[in-house]
Amino acid sequence: MEEKNDSAIITDHEFLILLQAAKQKDPEAMLRIIELFQGDIENISRTIRIPREDALSHIITELLEYIQSEKHL
């Protein structure tokens, strides 16, 4: 099996810039962060005993709410 090219790897500095933009509600930054964590989000959604689409939506919503909050600073 061929390994897929992991273009989702970014530097810490790039991630911090994305995080700051997402905190300012930049939709492109939010989408990029979701893309970066898409594999993890999908894996976690399989362990939640609700319909997969609902689990995905809930995880993404919680991630974005966490980014917007001041708790992690």
C-alpha atoms as a PDB file:
ATOM      1  CA  MET A   1       0.000   0.000   0.000  1.00  0.00           C
ATOM      2  CA  GLU A   2       1.263   3.408  -0.908  1.00  0.00           C
ATOM      3  CA  GLU A   3       1.678   5.965   1.879  1.00  0.00           C
ATOM      4  CA  LYS A   4      -0.231   9.146   1.276  1.00  0.00           C
ATOM      5  CA  ASN A   5       1.684  12.386   1.110  1.00  0.00           C
ATOM      6  CA  ASP A   6       1.123  14.113   4.440  1.00  0.00           C
ATOM      7  CA  SER A   7       0.807  17.753   3.438  1.00  0.00           C
ATOM      8  CA  ALA A   8      -0.943  18.404   6.772  1.00  0.00           C
ATOM      9  CA  ILE A   9       2.367  18.841   8.574  1.00  0.00           C
ATOM     10  CA  ILE A  10       2.990  22.449   9.537  1.00  0.00           C
ATOM     11  CA  THR A  11       5.451  24.153  11.846  1.00  0.00           C
ATOM     12  CA  ASP A  12       4.575  25.217  15.381  1.00  0.00           C
ATOM     13  CA  HIS A  13       4.837  28.835  14.292  1.00  0.00           C
ATOM     14  CA  GLU A  14       2.389  28.284  11.415  1.00  0.00           C
ATOM     15  CA  PHE A  15      -0.011  26.523  13.781  1.00  0.00           C
ATOM     16  CA  LEU A  16       0.124  29.394  16.280  1.00  0.00           C
ATOM     17  CA  ILE A  17      -0.671  31.850  13.486  1.00  0.00           C
ATOM     18  CA  LEU A  18      -3.629  29.681  12.453  1.00  0.00           C
ATOM     19  CA  LEU A  19      -4.768  29.448  16.064  1.00  0.00           C
ATOM     20  CA  GLN A  20      -4.679  33.238  16.489  1.00  0.00           C
ATOM     21  CA  ALA A  21      -6.618  33.718  13.247  1.00  0.00           C
ATOM     22  CA  ALA A  22      -9.196  31.125  14.326  1.00  0.00           C
ATOM     23  CA  LYS A  23      -9.586  32.921  17.671  1.00  0.00           C
ATOM     24  CA  GLN A  24     -10.432  36.011  15.616  1.00  0.00           C
ATOM     25  CA  LYS A  25     -13.105  33.889  13.845  1.00  0.00           C
ATOM     26  CA  ASP A  26     -11.275  33.682  10.520  1.00  0.00           C
ATOM     27  CA  PRO A  27     -13.249  30.999   8.632  1.00  0.00           C
ATOM     28  CA  GLU A  28     -10.273  29.922   6.508  1.00  0.00           C
ATOM     29  CA  ALA A  29      -8.129  29.389   9.603  1.00  0.00           C
ATOM     30  CA  MET A  30     -10.897  27.375  11.258  1.00  0.00           C
ATOM     31  CA  LEU A  31     -11.265  25.171   8.194  1.00  0.00           C
ATOM     32  CA  ARG A  32      -7.493  24.628   8.010  1.00  0.00           C
ATOM     33  CA  ILE A  33      -7.380  23.560  11.664  1.00  0.00           C
ATOM     34  CA  ILE A  34     -10.267  21.146  11.071  1.00  0.00           C
ATOM     35  CA  GLU A  35      -8.383  19.743   8.059  1.00  0.00           C
ATOM     36  CA  LEU A  36      -5.249  19.286  10.161  1.00  0.00           C
ATOM     37  CA  PHE A  37      -7.152  17.241  12.728  1.00  0.00           C
ATOM     38  CA  GLN A  38      -9.562  15.516  10.316  1.00  0.00           C
ATOM     39  CA  GLY A  39      -8.020  12.049  10.726  1.00  0.00           C
ATOM     40  CA  ASP A  40      -8.114  12.257  14.522  1.00  0.00           C
ATOM     41  CA  ILE A  41     -11.665  13.616  14.450  1.00  0.00           C
ATOM     42  CA  GLU A  42     -12.810  10.715  12.268  1.00  0.00           C
ATOM     43  CA  ASN A  43     -11.080   8.139  14.463  1.00  0.00           C
ATOM     44  CA  ILE A  44     -12.611   9.534  17.647  1.00  0.00           C
ATOM     45  CA  SER A  45     -16.069   9.760  16.059  1.00  0.00           C
ATOM     46  CA  ARG A  46     -16.051   5.982  15.570  1.00  0.00           C
ATOM     47  CA  THR A  47     -15.895   5.423  19.335  1.00  0.00           C
ATOM     48  CA  ILE A  48     -18.909   7.591  20.155  1.00  0.00           C
ATOM     49  CA  ARG A  49     -22.204   5.709  20.224  1.00  0.00           C
ATOM     50  CA  ILE A  50     -24.280   8.188  18.270  1.00  0.00           C
ATOM     51  CA  PRO A  51     -24.684   8.527  14.492  1.00  0.00           C
ATOM     52  CA  ARG A  52     -21.285   9.252  12.920  1.00  0.00           C
ATOM     53  CA  GLU A  53     -22.372  12.559  11.373  1.00  0.00           C
ATOM     54  CA  ASP A  54     -23.595  13.772  14.763  1.00  0.00           C
ATOM     55  CA  ALA A  55     -20.350  12.694  16.422  1.00  0.00           C
ATOM     56  CA  LEU A  56     -18.256  14.492  13.778  1.00  0.00           C
ATOM     57  CA  SER A  57     -20.324  17.641  14.154  1.00  0.00           C
ATOM     58  CA  HIS A  58     -20.098  17.550  17.941  1.00  0.00           C
ATOM     59  CA  ILE A  59     -16.319  17.031  17.974  1.00  0.00           C
ATOM     60  CA  ILE A  60     -15.709  19.850  15.478  1.00  0.00           C
ATOM     61  CA  THR A  61     -18.017  22.195  17.380  1.00  0.00           C
ATOM     62  CA  GLU A  62     -16.265  21.440  20.674  1.00  0.00           C
ATOM     63  CA  LEU A  63     -12.834  21.948  19.077  1.00  0.00           C
ATOM     64  CA  LEU A  64     -13.805  25.344  17.680  1.00  0.00           C
ATOM     65  CA  GLU A  65     -15.426  26.394  20.969  1.00  0.00           C
ATOM     66  CA  TYR A  66     -12.254  25.387  22.808  1.00  0.00           C
ATOM     67  CA  ILE A  67     -10.129  27.459  20.435  1.00  0.00           C
ATOM     68  CA  GLN A  68     -12.423  30.455  20.974  1.00  0.00           C
ATOM     69  CA  SER A  69     -12.295  30.129  24.765  1.00  0.00           C
ATOM     70  CA  GLU A  70      -9.677  31.722  26.982  1.00  0.00           C
ATOM     71  CA  LYS A  71      -9.289  28.572  29.125  1.00  0.00           C
ATOM     72  CA  HIS A  72      -6.338  27.142  27.219  1.00  0.00           C
ATOM     73  CA  LEU A  73      -4.186  30.266  27.386  1.00  0.00           C
END
